[in-house]
């Protein structure tokens, strides 16, 4: 992202800058503990002695690097609040804006044992207020995994849209399914499952077998998959997520995404991703943000990456699904299918997907 883009993005969160400035006035080490939970590599074992929601430690190198950026971030915010778009922000201050300030404005929050970690300001109070409803959503969002694929072992995110129906993107399904001209089906030799427990340090999967490609939409990036509904492999019977039939969606509506961001150096700067995601990818995260516009697609600014394809986009006030995330670039705008426009769609109706 160019220096101009970083400043413009920070100013777009101008309402939050005063609270962010307050947070940055803490001791540098305290700021890092609040804005950058996680370690510089994926942990395959639980954190010894950690309670659900407790933050695992950053490795010393990553902590020192982020602490070194705090003074420049503090100076950049002060300049932005005083001078706006005309602020004279140097290269170090732009880097700090990207690594710390924007991370606070649009965090990607880890999930462990079905609970999301404490959020940085300015999200702390707002997400805590809705914690119960958000954590009711979390177990209904899973990672779509495949066996028999020549190159990959998981392909994206899916979520429970009806009793035994997982919704994801068409381009996700196309990684493991084929259309023979009559119908979609799993590619020869490939099987799939959805694991609802791919969270930080999770040791036990909660998997359901994918049994059928119900259908792939002709005009929007959406696919529906049938999954085993017997509650096997430790998966309890759960009601599907509620999908809004007539949501009040406009620019500024607070939303969140739940999904599985994956590292992708082809679309994002690796150094930038290391700072923001601390090297922890492929596990469930809560990613709050806001709608930028809503017309043919819903444009939002949640901090998503490639593995978020197929994630649900939910209204923060109601925790009802309003969109199906299908693409974008980190901090440059993301797009979601406006699902309320499909309330009477034949494919969704045949699959038993209901709106309320």
Protein backbone atom coordinates (compact mmCIF):
# COMPACT_ATOMS: atom_id res chain seq x y z
CA UNK A 1 0.00 0.00 0.00
CA UNK A 2 1.39 3.43 -0.91
CA UNK A 3 2.05 6.10 1.68
CA UNK A 4 -0.92 8.09 0.44
CA UNK A 5 -3.19 5.05 0.71
CA UNK A 6 -2.06 4.42 4.28
CA UNK A 7 -2.89 7.98 5.32
CA UNK A 8 -6.24 7.92 3.51
CA UNK A 9 -7.14 4.61 5.16
CA UNK A 10 -6.19 5.92 8.60
CA UNK A 11 -8.23 9.09 8.09
CA UNK A 12 -11.23 7.03 7.05
CA UNK A 13 -11.23 5.81 10.65
CA UNK A 14 -11.05 9.39 11.92
CA UNK A 15 -13.82 8.80 14.47
CA UNK A 16 -11.59 6.21 16.12
CA UNK A 17 -8.34 8.18 16.06
CA UNK A 18 -8.88 9.92 19.40
CA UNK A 19 -9.36 6.60 21.19
CA UNK A 20 -6.44 5.07 19.31
CA UNK A 21 -4.27 7.99 20.38
CA UNK A 22 -5.21 7.34 24.00
CA UNK A 23 -4.22 3.69 23.63
CA UNK A 24 -0.88 4.62 22.07
CA UNK A 25 -0.08 6.86 25.03
CA UNK A 26 0.44 3.77 27.17
CA UNK A 27 3.87 2.26 27.68
CA UNK A 28 5.18 0.81 24.38
CA UNK A 29 5.18 -2.76 25.72
CA UNK A 30 1.61 -2.38 26.97
CA UNK A 31 0.47 -1.16 23.55
CA UNK A 32 1.99 -4.21 21.85
CA UNK A 33 0.33 -6.60 24.30
CA UNK A 34 -3.03 -5.03 23.49
CA UNK A 35 -2.83 -4.80 19.71
CA UNK A 36 -0.81 -7.85 18.67
CA UNK A 37 -1.80 -11.09 20.37
CA UNK A 38 -0.14 -14.15 18.94
CA UNK A 39 3.22 -15.70 18.21
CA UNK A 40 5.36 -15.60 15.11
CA UNK A 41 4.48 -19.16 14.17
CA UNK A 42 1.39 -21.35 14.40
CA UNK A 43 1.24 -23.18 17.71
CA UNK A 44 0.22 -26.82 17.38
CA UNK A 45 -0.02 -27.38 21.14
CA UNK A 46 -2.20 -25.55 23.66
CA UNK A 47 -0.62 -22.74 25.64
CA UNK A 48 0.34 -24.27 28.98
CA UNK A 49 -1.74 -22.79 31.75
CA UNK A 50 -3.65 -20.43 29.44
CA UNK A 51 -7.31 -19.85 30.02
CA UNK A 52 -9.69 -19.48 27.05
CA UNK A 53 -9.24 -15.99 25.66
CA UNK A 54 -5.83 -15.52 27.30
CA UNK A 55 -3.25 -14.11 24.92
CA UNK A 56 -0.29 -16.33 24.00
CA UNK A 57 3.05 -14.49 24.11
CA UNK A 58 4.75 -12.88 21.16
CA UNK A 59 8.25 -14.07 20.49
CA UNK A 60 10.87 -11.57 21.59
CA UNK A 61 11.98 -10.52 18.10
CA UNK A 62 8.43 -9.71 16.99
CA UNK A 63 7.66 -7.92 20.26
CA UNK A 64 10.77 -5.75 20.04
CA UNK A 65 10.01 -4.85 16.42
CA UNK A 66 6.47 -3.74 17.21
CA UNK A 67 7.51 -1.86 20.33
CA UNK A 68 9.95 0.08 18.17
CA UNK A 69 7.09 1.20 15.94
CA UNK A 70 4.89 2.58 18.72
CA UNK A 71 6.59 6.02 19.05
CA UNK A 72 6.31 6.61 15.29
CA UNK A 73 2.68 5.50 15.35
CA UNK A 74 1.99 7.87 18.22
CA UNK A 75 3.56 10.76 16.31
CA UNK A 76 1.66 9.90 13.11
CA UNK A 77 -1.72 9.89 14.85
CA UNK A 78 -1.00 13.23 16.48
CA UNK A 79 -0.13 14.71 13.07
CA UNK A 80 -3.24 13.24 11.43
CA UNK A 81 -5.51 14.60 14.14
CA UNK A 82 -3.92 18.04 13.84
CA UNK A 83 -3.39 18.37 10.08
CA UNK A 84 -5.65 15.78 8.46
CA UNK A 85 -4.77 14.75 4.89
CA UNK A 86 -2.07 17.45 4.76
CA UNK A 87 -0.13 15.85 7.60
CA UNK A 88 3.59 15.54 6.95
CA UNK A 89 3.98 11.85 7.77
CA UNK A 90 7.39 10.32 7.04
CA UNK A 91 8.17 6.76 5.92
CA UNK A 92 8.68 5.41 9.46
CA UNK A 93 5.41 6.93 10.59
CA UNK A 94 3.55 5.46 7.61
CA UNK A 95 4.93 2.02 8.45
CA UNK A 96 3.76 2.44 12.04
CA UNK A 97 0.30 3.52 10.87
CA UNK A 98 0.01 0.37 8.82
CA UNK A 99 1.40 -1.99 11.42
CA UNK A 100 -0.23 -0.61 14.59
CA UNK A 101 -2.89 2.04 14.04
CA UNK A 102 -4.73 0.24 11.23
CA UNK A 103 -4.32 -3.03 13.09
CA UNK A 104 -6.25 -1.44 15.96
CA UNK A 105 -8.90 -0.04 13.63
CA UNK A 106 -9.46 -3.32 11.74
CA UNK A 107 -8.06 -6.18 13.84
CA UNK A 108 -8.09 -9.89 13.00
CA UNK A 109 -8.83 -11.46 16.39
CA UNK A 110 -7.85 -15.01 17.23
CA UNK A 111 -10.39 -17.56 18.44
CA UNK A 112 -9.62 -20.31 20.95
CA UNK A 113 -11.95 -22.81 22.61
CA UNK A 114 -14.92 -21.06 21.03
CA UNK A 115 -14.05 -17.66 22.52
CA UNK A 116 -12.49 -14.67 20.83
CA UNK A 117 -9.49 -12.95 22.39
CA UNK A 118 -9.90 -9.48 23.92
CA UNK A 119 -10.06 -6.85 21.18
CA UNK A 120 -7.94 -3.69 21.02
CA UNK A 121 -9.50 -0.27 21.26
CA UNK A 122 -11.60 1.12 19.72
CA UNK A 123 -13.37 -2.26 19.49
CA UNK A 124 -13.09 -3.41 23.10
CA UNK A 125 -16.42 -2.26 24.50
CA UNK A 126 -18.41 -2.84 21.33
CA UNK A 127 -17.32 -6.44 20.84
CA UNK A 128 -17.65 -7.26 24.53
CA UNK A 129 -21.20 -5.95 24.43
CA UNK A 130 -21.98 -8.47 21.68
CA UNK A 131 -19.70 -11.28 22.90
CA UNK A 132 -22.48 -13.78 23.60
CA UNK A 133 -24.09 -13.39 20.17
CA UNK A 134 -20.74 -13.48 18.35
CA UNK A 135 -19.61 -16.59 20.20
CA UNK A 136 -22.89 -18.25 19.25
CA UNK A 137 -21.85 -17.72 15.61
CA UNK A 138 -18.29 -19.05 15.94
CA UNK A 139 -19.02 -22.82 16.15
CA UNK A 140 -21.12 -22.63 12.98
CA UNK A 141 -18.19 -21.52 10.82
CA UNK A 142 -15.72 -24.13 9.61
CA UNK A 143 -12.70 -24.71 7.41
CA UNK A 144 -13.34 -26.67 4.22
CA UNK A 145 -10.72 -29.39 3.90
CA UNK A 146 -10.01 -31.90 1.13
CA UNK A 147 -8.25 -35.22 0.70
CA UNK A 148 -6.96 -36.50 -2.61
CA UNK A 149 -6.18 -33.03 -4.00
CA UNK A 150 -2.75 -32.91 -5.62
CA UNK A 151 -1.68 -29.57 -4.11
CA UNK A 152 -3.72 -28.41 -1.12
CA UNK A 153 -5.38 -29.78 2.00
CA UNK A 154 -7.87 -26.98 2.66
CA UNK A 155 -9.57 -24.54 0.34
CA UNK A 156 -11.57 -21.90 2.21
CA UNK A 157 -14.31 -21.16 4.69
CA UNK A 158 -17.88 -22.43 4.91
CA UNK A 159 -20.74 -21.90 7.34
CA UNK A 160 -23.97 -23.57 8.35
CA UNK A 161 -26.75 -22.08 6.21
CA UNK A 162 -29.37 -24.81 6.76
CA UNK A 163 -29.63 -27.98 8.84
CA UNK A 164 -27.13 -29.96 6.74
CA UNK A 165 -26.05 -27.29 4.24
CA UNK A 166 -22.73 -25.44 4.12
CA UNK A 167 -22.49 -22.22 2.11
CA UNK A 168 -19.20 -21.18 0.52
CA UNK A 169 -17.95 -19.60 -2.70
CA UNK A 170 -18.20 -21.06 -6.18
CA UNK A 171 -14.44 -20.55 -6.61
CA UNK A 172 -13.84 -22.53 -3.40
CA UNK A 173 -16.01 -25.43 -4.60
CA UNK A 174 -14.27 -25.34 -7.99
CA UNK A 175 -11.04 -26.42 -6.28
CA UNK A 176 -12.44 -29.89 -5.60
CA UNK A 177 -15.62 -30.24 -7.69
CA UNK A 178 -16.33 -30.46 -11.40
CA UNK A 179 -19.31 -29.83 -13.65
CA UNK A 180 -19.86 -32.54 -16.26
CA UNK A 181 -22.37 -30.39 -18.13
CA UNK A 182 -25.33 -31.72 -16.16
CA UNK A 183 -24.41 -31.30 -12.50
CA UNK A 184 -21.59 -30.54 -10.11
CA UNK A 185 -19.89 -33.38 -8.21
CA UNK A 186 -16.66 -34.08 -6.36
CA UNK A 187 -13.68 -34.57 -8.64
CA UNK A 188 -12.57 -38.22 -8.96
CA UNK A 189 -10.51 -39.34 -6.00
CA UNK A 190 -11.26 -36.23 -3.94
CA UNK A 191 -13.26 -36.14 -0.71
CA UNK A 192 -14.12 -33.22 1.54
CA UNK A 193 -15.08 -32.30 5.06
CA UNK A 194 -15.78 -29.18 7.10
CA UNK A 195 -13.93 -28.81 10.41
CA UNK A 196 -15.54 -26.38 12.84
CA UNK A 197 -12.70 -26.55 15.35
CA UNK A 198 -9.68 -25.30 13.41
CA UNK A 199 -8.91 -22.72 16.10
CA UNK A 200 -5.69 -21.61 17.76
CA UNK A 201 -4.01 -24.61 19.45
CA UNK A 202 -7.02 -26.87 18.84
CA UNK A 203 -6.13 -30.53 19.21
CA UNK A 204 -9.47 -32.24 18.51
CA UNK A 205 -11.29 -31.72 15.19
CA UNK A 206 -15.06 -31.26 14.96
CA UNK A 207 -15.57 -32.52 11.46
CA UNK A 208 -18.51 -33.32 9.23
CA UNK A 209 -18.09 -35.16 5.98
CA UNK A 210 -19.14 -33.33 2.81
CA UNK A 211 -21.41 -35.68 0.90
CA UNK A 212 -22.77 -33.73 -2.07
CA UNK A 213 -22.40 -30.58 -4.11
CA UNK A 214 -25.99 -29.36 -3.92
CA UNK A 215 -25.43 -26.67 -6.48
CA UNK A 216 -23.26 -23.84 -7.73
CA UNK A 217 -24.88 -20.51 -8.51
CA UNK A 218 -24.88 -19.37 -12.13
CA UNK A 219 -24.42 -15.64 -11.55
CA UNK A 220 -22.87 -15.02 -8.11
CA UNK A 221 -19.85 -16.55 -6.38
CA UNK A 222 -21.81 -18.99 -4.21
CA UNK A 223 -22.00 -22.75 -3.76
CA UNK A 224 -23.96 -25.03 -1.44
CA UNK A 225 -22.58 -28.31 -0.07
CA UNK A 226 -24.37 -31.11 1.76
CA UNK A 227 -22.70 -32.36 4.93
CA UNK A 228 -23.32 -35.37 7.13
CA UNK A 229 -25.84 -34.35 9.79
CA UNK A 230 -25.42 -37.18 12.28
CA UNK A 231 -23.40 -35.17 14.79
CA UNK A 232 -20.43 -37.53 14.38
CA UNK A 233 -16.79 -36.69 15.11
CA UNK A 234 -17.69 -34.52 18.07
CA UNK A 235 -19.94 -32.12 16.16
CA UNK A 236 -23.14 -31.28 18.02
CA UNK A 237 -26.39 -30.64 16.20
CA UNK A 238 -26.58 -26.88 15.72
CA UNK A 239 -29.18 -24.57 14.26
CA UNK A 240 -28.02 -22.72 11.13
CA UNK A 241 -26.98 -19.10 11.19
CA UNK A 242 -29.79 -16.60 10.74
CA UNK A 243 -29.77 -14.83 7.38
CA UNK A 244 -31.36 -11.40 7.12
CA UNK A 245 -34.13 -11.01 4.54
CA UNK A 246 -34.30 -7.22 4.68
CA UNK A 247 -31.27 -5.82 6.52
CA UNK A 248 -30.62 -2.11 7.00
CA UNK A 249 -27.21 -2.10 5.31
CA UNK A 250 -25.54 1.16 4.38
CA UNK A 251 -22.12 2.78 4.43
CA UNK A 252 -20.83 2.78 8.01
CA UNK A 253 -22.85 -0.26 9.19
CA UNK A 254 -20.63 -2.15 11.67
CA UNK A 255 -20.07 -5.74 10.57
CA UNK A 256 -17.79 -8.68 11.20
CA UNK A 257 -16.43 -11.65 9.29
CA UNK A 258 -15.64 -15.07 10.74
CA UNK A 259 -13.23 -17.16 8.71
CA UNK A 260 -9.78 -18.60 8.14
CA UNK A 261 -7.31 -16.07 6.74
CA UNK A 262 -4.40 -17.73 4.93
CA UNK A 263 -1.00 -16.34 4.00
CA UNK A 264 -0.86 -15.34 0.34
CA UNK A 265 2.24 -13.45 -0.78
CA UNK A 266 0.85 -13.22 -4.31
CA UNK A 267 -1.82 -10.74 -3.21
CA UNK A 268 -0.33 -9.17 -0.08
CA UNK A 269 3.04 -7.92 1.07
CA UNK A 270 4.64 -10.69 3.21
CA UNK A 271 6.25 -8.24 5.64
CA UNK A 272 2.96 -6.43 6.14
CA UNK A 273 1.16 -9.71 6.75
CA UNK A 274 3.80 -10.83 9.26
CA UNK A 275 3.32 -7.65 11.28
CA UNK A 276 -0.45 -7.90 11.31
CA UNK A 277 -1.08 -11.64 11.62
CA UNK A 278 2.09 -12.50 13.60
CA UNK A 279 2.67 -15.53 11.40
CA UNK A 280 -0.54 -17.23 12.58
CA UNK A 281 -2.63 -18.28 9.60
CA UNK A 282 -5.17 -20.96 8.67
CA UNK A 283 -7.06 -20.74 11.98
CA UNK A 284 -10.39 -19.15 12.88
CA UNK A 285 -10.48 -15.39 13.42
CA UNK A 286 -13.06 -12.72 14.16
CA UNK A 287 -12.55 -9.75 11.82
CA UNK A 288 -14.63 -6.65 12.57
CA UNK A 289 -15.04 -3.67 10.27
CA UNK A 290 -17.63 -1.59 8.48
CA UNK A 291 -19.61 -1.53 5.24
CA UNK A 292 -18.29 0.97 2.73
CA UNK A 293 -21.12 0.59 0.22
CA UNK A 294 -23.94 -1.80 -0.63
CA UNK A 295 -25.38 -2.19 -4.13
CA UNK A 296 -24.57 -5.03 -6.54
CA UNK A 297 -22.03 -6.21 -3.96
CA UNK A 298 -21.39 -5.32 -0.34
CA UNK A 299 -18.02 -3.58 -0.06
CA UNK A 300 -16.53 -3.85 3.42
CA UNK A 301 -13.17 -3.23 5.09
CA UNK A 302 -12.73 -6.19 7.45
CA UNK A 303 -9.13 -7.45 7.48
CA UNK A 304 -9.56 -10.54 5.31
CA UNK A 305 -7.06 -12.71 3.44
CA UNK A 306 -7.34 -15.46 0.84
CA UNK A 307 -8.59 -18.24 3.11
CA UNK A 308 -11.55 -16.06 4.08
CA UNK A 309 -13.23 -16.96 0.79
CA UNK A 310 -16.66 -18.27 1.73
CA UNK A 311 -16.81 -16.45 5.08
CA UNK A 312 -20.06 -15.09 6.41
CA UNK A 313 -20.43 -11.31 6.77
CA UNK A 314 -22.66 -10.42 9.72
CA UNK A 315 -24.30 -7.28 11.05
CA UNK A 316 -22.66 -6.55 14.41
CA UNK A 317 -25.88 -5.33 16.02
CA UNK A 318 -27.94 -8.40 15.13
CA UNK A 319 -25.36 -11.13 14.34
CA UNK A 320 -27.48 -11.96 11.30
CA UNK A 321 -25.71 -12.88 8.07
CA UNK A 322 -25.97 -10.20 5.41
CA UNK A 323 -23.32 -11.33 2.94
CA UNK A 324 -21.01 -14.02 1.60
CA UNK A 325 -17.44 -12.74 1.40
CA UNK A 326 -15.75 -13.65 -1.87
CA UNK A 327 -12.65 -11.52 -2.38
CA UNK A 328 -10.58 -8.40 -1.95
CA UNK A 329 -7.22 -7.14 -0.79
CA UNK A 330 -6.15 -6.41 2.75
CA UNK A 331 -6.98 -2.77 3.69
CA UNK A 332 -8.05 -1.98 0.12
CA UNK A 333 -11.68 -3.07 0.18
CA UNK A 334 -13.39 -6.46 0.12
CA UNK A 335 -16.54 -7.71 -1.55
CA UNK A 336 -19.41 -9.89 -0.43
CA UNK A 337 -22.52 -11.24 -2.14
CA UNK A 338 -25.57 -9.39 -0.71
CA UNK A 339 -27.50 -12.46 0.37
CA UNK A 340 -30.79 -10.68 0.98
CA UNK A 341 -31.06 -10.32 -2.81
CA UNK A 342 -31.20 -14.13 -3.02
CA UNK A 343 -34.05 -14.66 -0.55
CA UNK A 344 -36.25 -16.07 -3.33
CA UNK A 345 -33.48 -17.72 -5.32
CA UNK A 346 -34.45 -21.23 -6.53
CA UNK A 347 -31.10 -22.83 -5.62
CA UNK A 348 -31.27 -21.59 -2.02
CA UNK A 349 -34.95 -22.47 -1.72
CA UNK A 350 -34.36 -26.04 -2.94
CA UNK A 351 -31.60 -26.46 -0.37
CA UNK A 352 -33.81 -25.27 2.48
CA UNK A 353 -31.89 -22.05 3.17
CA UNK A 354 -34.27 -19.73 5.04
CA UNK A 355 -34.26 -15.97 5.61
CA UNK A 356 -35.71 -14.05 8.52
